């Protein structure tokens, strides 16, 4: 099932942290995928997110469920958008980008998440 945030979600590929948070409260089947480097994850992370560095995505695709909504994120949302596009080109239709990444999540959802440059 596609996100049900708004009627136009079938064409959407990116969602803000607040939109994702609302969906996470409604259902438990969403999977967050952190594509940042290990050194970045040491600075801050989202609990329960699966960490797969961007460069490892091609070799780890078989570990990702195709029957769940996948929300990919990085620091600012640029690398994760590339990963989302890559996964979509490889048959994952239910993958989305966290717009603004963990940095925006820190600002809009959880200020305890440490911001970095």
N, C-alpha and C. Protein backbone atom coordinates (compact mmCIF):
# COMPACT_ATOMS: atom_id res chain seq x y z
N UNK A 1 0.84 -1.19 0.00
CA UNK A 1 0.00 0.00 0.00
C UNK A 1 0.88 1.24 0.00
N UNK A 2 0.51 2.19 -0.79
CA UNK A 2 1.24 3.47 -0.91
C UNK A 2 0.87 4.36 0.26
N UNK A 3 1.71 5.32 0.58
CA UNK A 3 1.41 6.29 1.64
C UNK A 3 0.04 6.91 1.44
N UNK A 4 -0.63 7.19 2.52
CA UNK A 4 -1.96 7.78 2.42
C UNK A 4 -2.00 9.17 3.06
N UNK A 5 -0.90 9.89 2.97
CA UNK A 5 -0.83 11.22 3.57
C UNK A 5 -1.77 12.19 2.85
N UNK A 6 -1.71 12.17 1.54
CA UNK A 6 -2.57 13.03 0.71
C UNK A 6 -2.99 12.22 -0.51
N UNK A 7 -3.94 12.72 -1.25
CA UNK A 7 -4.41 12.01 -2.43
C UNK A 7 -3.37 11.92 -3.53
N UNK A 8 -2.39 12.82 -3.54
CA UNK A 8 -1.41 12.85 -4.62
C UNK A 8 -0.17 12.00 -4.32
N UNK A 9 -0.22 11.13 -3.32
CA UNK A 9 0.98 10.42 -2.90
C UNK A 9 1.47 9.39 -3.90
N UNK A 10 0.63 8.92 -4.78
CA UNK A 10 1.07 7.87 -5.70
C UNK A 10 2.20 8.37 -6.60
N UNK A 11 2.29 9.66 -6.83
CA UNK A 11 3.35 10.22 -7.66
C UNK A 11 4.50 10.79 -6.84
N UNK A 12 4.33 10.87 -5.54
CA UNK A 12 5.36 11.48 -4.70
C UNK A 12 6.48 10.52 -4.44
N UNK A 13 7.68 11.10 -4.35
CA UNK A 13 8.85 10.30 -4.06
C UNK A 13 9.55 10.77 -2.80
N UNK A 14 9.21 11.95 -2.33
CA UNK A 14 9.85 12.51 -1.15
C UNK A 14 8.81 12.95 -0.14
N UNK A 15 9.16 12.81 1.13
CA UNK A 15 8.28 13.24 2.20
C UNK A 15 9.11 13.95 3.26
N UNK A 16 8.51 14.92 3.91
CA UNK A 16 9.19 15.64 4.98
C UNK A 16 9.24 14.77 6.24
N UNK A 17 10.10 15.10 7.17
CA UNK A 17 10.13 14.34 8.42
C UNK A 17 8.78 14.29 9.14
N UNK A 18 8.06 15.39 9.16
CA UNK A 18 6.76 15.40 9.83
C UNK A 18 5.76 14.47 9.14
N UNK A 19 5.78 14.43 7.83
CA UNK A 19 4.90 13.53 7.09
C UNK A 19 5.25 12.07 7.38
N UNK A 20 6.54 11.76 7.39
CA UNK A 20 6.98 10.40 7.69
C UNK A 20 6.60 10.02 9.11
N UNK A 21 6.80 10.93 10.04
CA UNK A 21 6.47 10.66 11.44
C UNK A 21 4.98 10.33 11.58
N UNK A 22 4.13 11.06 10.89
CA UNK A 22 2.69 10.79 10.93
C UNK A 22 2.40 9.38 10.42
N UNK A 23 3.05 8.98 9.35
CA UNK A 23 2.85 7.65 8.80
C UNK A 23 3.38 6.57 9.75
N UNK A 24 4.52 6.84 10.39
CA UNK A 24 5.10 5.87 11.31
C UNK A 24 4.17 5.64 12.51
N UNK A 25 3.44 6.67 12.91
CA UNK A 25 2.50 6.53 14.02
C UNK A 25 1.29 5.70 13.61
N UNK A 26 0.93 5.74 12.34
CA UNK A 26 -0.23 4.99 11.85
C UNK A 26 0.07 3.52 11.65
N UNK A 27 1.30 3.21 11.25
CA UNK A 27 1.63 1.82 10.96
C UNK A 27 3.08 1.51 11.30
N UNK A 28 3.35 0.26 11.49
CA UNK A 28 4.66 -0.17 11.95
C UNK A 28 5.50 -0.81 10.85
N UNK A 29 4.96 -0.99 9.67
CA UNK A 29 5.65 -1.73 8.63
C UNK A 29 6.67 -0.96 7.82
N UNK A 30 6.85 0.31 8.10
CA UNK A 30 7.80 1.10 7.32
C UNK A 30 9.23 0.80 7.79
N UNK A 31 10.15 0.82 6.84
CA UNK A 31 11.55 0.56 7.16
C UNK A 31 12.37 1.79 6.80
N UNK A 32 13.10 2.30 7.79
CA UNK A 32 13.99 3.44 7.58
C UNK A 32 15.37 2.90 7.24
N UNK A 33 15.98 3.43 6.18
CA UNK A 33 17.30 2.99 5.75
C UNK A 33 18.24 4.19 5.74
N UNK A 34 19.26 4.11 6.56
CA UNK A 34 20.27 5.16 6.71
C UNK A 34 21.43 4.83 5.78
N UNK A 35 21.65 5.68 4.77
CA UNK A 35 22.71 5.41 3.78
C UNK A 35 23.97 6.23 4.03
N UNK A 36 24.09 6.82 5.23
CA UNK A 36 25.28 7.60 5.56
C UNK A 36 26.45 6.69 5.87
N UNK A 37 27.62 7.30 5.94
CA UNK A 37 28.84 6.57 6.27
C UNK A 37 28.87 6.26 7.77
N UNK A 38 29.60 5.21 8.17
CA UNK A 38 29.67 4.83 9.59
C UNK A 38 30.08 5.98 10.52
N UNK A 39 30.99 6.82 10.10
CA UNK A 39 31.42 7.93 10.95
C UNK A 39 30.27 8.90 11.22
N UNK A 40 29.37 9.06 10.26
CA UNK A 40 28.21 9.93 10.44
C UNK A 40 27.21 9.29 11.40
N UNK A 41 27.04 8.00 11.31
CA UNK A 41 26.11 7.29 12.18
C UNK A 41 26.58 7.35 13.63
N UNK A 42 27.90 7.42 13.83
CA UNK A 42 28.44 7.54 15.18
C UNK A 42 28.06 8.88 15.81
N UNK A 43 27.91 9.91 14.99
CA UNK A 43 27.53 11.24 15.49
C UNK A 43 26.08 11.24 15.95
N UNK A 44 25.20 10.70 15.12
CA UNK A 44 23.78 10.63 15.44
C UNK A 44 23.12 9.58 14.57
N UNK A 45 22.00 9.09 15.03
CA UNK A 45 21.26 8.09 14.27
C UNK A 45 19.80 8.07 14.69
N UNK A 46 18.99 7.47 13.86
CA UNK A 46 17.59 7.25 14.20
C UNK A 46 17.45 5.82 14.70
N UNK A 47 16.83 5.68 15.85
CA UNK A 47 16.64 4.36 16.43
C UNK A 47 15.83 3.48 15.48
N UNK A 48 16.21 2.25 15.36
CA UNK A 48 15.54 1.24 14.53
C UNK A 48 15.77 1.42 13.03
N UNK A 49 16.58 2.38 12.62
CA UNK A 49 16.90 2.50 11.19
C UNK A 49 17.96 1.46 10.83
N UNK A 50 17.82 0.89 9.66
CA UNK A 50 18.81 -0.06 9.16
C UNK A 50 19.91 0.73 8.48
N UNK A 51 21.15 0.50 8.87
CA UNK A 51 22.28 1.23 8.29
C UNK A 51 22.89 0.42 7.16
N UNK A 52 22.83 1.00 5.96
CA UNK A 52 23.49 0.44 4.79
C UNK A 52 24.15 1.61 4.07
N UNK A 53 25.48 1.76 4.18
CA UNK A 53 26.13 2.88 3.49
C UNK A 53 25.80 2.88 1.99
N UNK A 54 25.72 4.06 1.44
CA UNK A 54 25.33 4.23 0.04
C UNK A 54 26.10 3.29 -0.90
N UNK A 55 27.39 3.19 -0.71
CA UNK A 55 28.21 2.34 -1.58
C UNK A 55 27.92 0.86 -1.47
N UNK A 56 27.25 0.46 -0.40
CA UNK A 56 26.93 -0.96 -0.19
C UNK A 56 25.55 -1.35 -0.70
N UNK A 57 24.77 -0.38 -1.11
CA UNK A 57 23.39 -0.65 -1.54
C UNK A 57 23.32 -1.71 -2.65
N UNK A 58 24.13 -1.62 -3.72
CA UNK A 58 24.00 -2.64 -4.78
C UNK A 58 24.18 -4.07 -4.28
N UNK A 59 25.10 -4.28 -3.36
CA UNK A 59 25.34 -5.64 -2.87
C UNK A 59 24.38 -6.06 -1.77
N UNK A 60 23.60 -5.13 -1.23
CA UNK A 60 22.68 -5.42 -0.13
C UNK A 60 21.21 -5.39 -0.55
N UNK A 61 20.95 -5.14 -1.84
CA UNK A 61 19.56 -5.01 -2.28
C UNK A 61 18.72 -6.23 -1.97
N UNK A 62 19.32 -7.42 -2.03
CA UNK A 62 18.55 -8.64 -1.77
C UNK A 62 18.08 -8.72 -0.31
N UNK A 63 18.68 -7.93 0.57
CA UNK A 63 18.27 -7.90 1.98
C UNK A 63 17.07 -6.98 2.22
N UNK A 64 16.73 -6.18 1.23
CA UNK A 64 15.64 -5.20 1.39
C UNK A 64 14.30 -5.80 0.96
N UNK A 65 13.28 -5.64 1.78
CA UNK A 65 11.96 -6.17 1.41
C UNK A 65 11.31 -5.32 0.31
N UNK A 66 10.71 -6.01 -0.62
CA UNK A 66 10.01 -5.30 -1.69
C UNK A 66 8.54 -5.08 -1.35
N UNK A 67 8.10 -5.67 -0.25
CA UNK A 67 6.69 -5.57 0.13
C UNK A 67 6.46 -4.59 1.28
N UNK A 68 7.45 -3.73 1.56
CA UNK A 68 7.32 -2.72 2.60
C UNK A 68 7.66 -1.35 2.03
N UNK A 69 7.16 -0.31 2.70
CA UNK A 69 7.55 1.05 2.34
C UNK A 69 8.93 1.30 2.92
N UNK A 70 9.88 1.66 2.07
CA UNK A 70 11.24 1.95 2.49
C UNK A 70 11.47 3.45 2.44
N UNK A 71 11.96 4.02 3.52
CA UNK A 71 12.26 5.45 3.58
C UNK A 71 13.76 5.58 3.73
N UNK A 72 14.39 6.11 2.70
CA UNK A 72 15.84 6.25 2.65
C UNK A 72 16.23 7.64 3.12
N UNK A 73 17.27 7.71 3.96
CA UNK A 73 17.73 9.03 4.40
C UNK A 73 19.25 9.07 4.54
N UNK A 74 19.76 10.30 4.47
CA UNK A 74 21.18 10.57 4.68
C UNK A 74 21.27 11.84 5.52
N UNK A 75 22.33 12.58 5.38
CA UNK A 75 22.50 13.81 6.16
C UNK A 75 21.52 14.90 5.73
N UNK A 76 21.53 15.25 4.45
CA UNK A 76 20.71 16.35 3.96
C UNK A 76 19.67 15.93 2.91
N UNK A 77 19.66 14.67 2.51
CA UNK A 77 18.68 14.18 1.56
C UNK A 77 19.15 14.06 0.13
N UNK A 78 20.40 14.39 -0.14
CA UNK A 78 20.91 14.34 -1.51
C UNK A 78 21.34 12.92 -1.89
N UNK A 79 22.17 12.31 -1.06
CA UNK A 79 22.61 10.93 -1.34
C UNK A 79 21.43 9.97 -1.29
N UNK A 80 20.56 10.17 -0.34
CA UNK A 80 19.41 9.26 -0.22
C UNK A 80 18.48 9.38 -1.43
N UNK A 81 18.39 10.55 -2.01
CA UNK A 81 17.58 10.70 -3.22
C UNK A 81 18.19 9.89 -4.36
N UNK A 82 19.51 9.89 -4.45
CA UNK A 82 20.20 9.08 -5.46
C UNK A 82 19.95 7.60 -5.23
N UNK A 83 20.00 7.17 -3.97
CA UNK A 83 19.75 5.77 -3.62
C UNK A 83 18.30 5.41 -3.94
N UNK A 84 17.36 6.30 -3.61
CA UNK A 84 15.96 6.05 -3.93
C UNK A 84 15.79 5.83 -5.43
N UNK A 85 16.37 6.72 -6.23
CA UNK A 85 16.26 6.59 -7.69
C UNK A 85 16.87 5.28 -8.17
N UNK A 86 18.01 4.90 -7.61
CA UNK A 86 18.68 3.64 -7.97
C UNK A 86 17.78 2.45 -7.64
N UNK A 87 17.21 2.44 -6.44
CA UNK A 87 16.35 1.34 -6.03
C UNK A 87 15.09 1.27 -6.90
N UNK A 88 14.53 2.42 -7.22
CA UNK A 88 13.35 2.44 -8.08
C UNK A 88 13.68 1.88 -9.47
N UNK A 89 14.86 2.21 -9.98
CA UNK A 89 15.26 1.68 -11.29
C UNK A 89 15.49 0.18 -11.24
N UNK A 90 15.70 -0.35 -10.04
CA UNK A 90 15.94 -1.77 -9.86
C UNK A 90 14.73 -2.50 -9.27
N UNK A 91 13.55 -1.96 -9.50
CA UNK A 91 12.33 -2.67 -9.19
C UNK A 91 11.68 -2.41 -7.84
N UNK A 92 12.21 -1.49 -7.06
CA UNK A 92 11.58 -1.15 -5.77
C UNK A 92 10.61 0.01 -6.00
N UNK A 93 9.33 -0.28 -5.97
CA UNK A 93 8.34 0.76 -6.25
C UNK A 93 7.91 1.50 -4.99
N UNK A 94 8.20 0.95 -3.83
CA UNK A 94 7.74 1.55 -2.57
C UNK A 94 8.89 2.12 -1.77
N UNK A 95 9.75 2.88 -2.43
CA UNK A 95 10.89 3.51 -1.76
C UNK A 95 10.75 5.02 -1.88
N UNK A 96 11.04 5.71 -0.78
CA UNK A 96 10.85 7.15 -0.70
C UNK A 96 12.06 7.80 -0.06
N UNK A 97 12.25 9.07 -0.34
CA UNK A 97 13.35 9.84 0.22
C UNK A 97 12.85 10.72 1.36
N UNK A 98 13.64 10.77 2.43
CA UNK A 98 13.34 11.68 3.54
C UNK A 98 13.92 13.04 3.16
N UNK A 99 13.05 13.95 2.78
CA UNK A 99 13.45 15.28 2.32
C UNK A 99 14.16 16.04 3.44
N UNK A 100 15.39 16.46 3.18
CA UNK A 100 16.17 17.19 4.17
C UNK A 100 16.98 16.31 5.10
N UNK A 101 16.80 15.00 4.98
CA UNK A 101 17.61 14.05 5.73
C UNK A 101 17.48 14.13 7.24
N UNK A 102 18.47 13.55 7.91
CA UNK A 102 18.47 13.52 9.37
C UNK A 102 18.65 14.93 9.94
N UNK A 103 19.25 15.82 9.17
CA UNK A 103 19.40 17.20 9.63
C UNK A 103 18.02 17.85 9.80
N UNK A 104 17.17 17.71 8.81
CA UNK A 104 15.82 18.28 8.90
C UNK A 104 15.00 17.54 9.97
N UNK A 105 15.23 16.23 10.13
CA UNK A 105 14.55 15.47 11.18
C UNK A 105 14.87 16.08 12.54
N UNK A 106 16.14 16.44 12.74
CA UNK A 106 16.58 17.04 14.00
C UNK A 106 15.86 18.36 14.26
N UNK A 107 15.68 19.15 13.23
CA UNK A 107 15.04 20.46 13.37
C UNK A 107 13.53 20.32 13.59
N UNK A 108 12.88 19.44 12.84
CA UNK A 108 11.41 19.37 12.85
C UNK A 108 10.82 18.34 13.80
N UNK A 109 11.57 17.28 14.11
CA UNK A 109 10.99 16.18 14.89
C UNK A 109 11.68 15.97 16.23
N UNK A 110 13.00 15.86 16.23
CA UNK A 110 13.71 15.49 17.45
C UNK A 110 14.98 16.32 17.63
N UNK A 111 14.90 17.43 18.37
CA UNK A 111 16.07 18.29 18.55
C UNK A 111 17.20 17.65 19.36
N UNK A 112 16.94 16.47 19.94
CA UNK A 112 18.02 15.75 20.65
C UNK A 112 18.98 15.08 19.67
N UNK A 113 18.56 14.94 18.42
CA UNK A 113 19.45 14.39 17.39
C UNK A 113 20.49 15.45 17.07
N UNK A 114 21.75 15.11 17.27
CA UNK A 114 22.83 16.07 17.07
C UNK A 114 22.97 16.45 15.60
N UNK A 115 23.06 17.73 15.34
CA UNK A 115 23.30 18.22 13.98
C UNK A 115 24.79 18.33 13.74
N UNK A 116 25.21 18.19 12.50
CA UNK A 116 26.62 18.29 12.14
C UNK A 116 26.77 18.84 10.74
N UNK A 117 27.99 19.18 10.40
CA UNK A 117 28.26 19.71 9.05
C UNK A 117 29.00 18.73 8.21
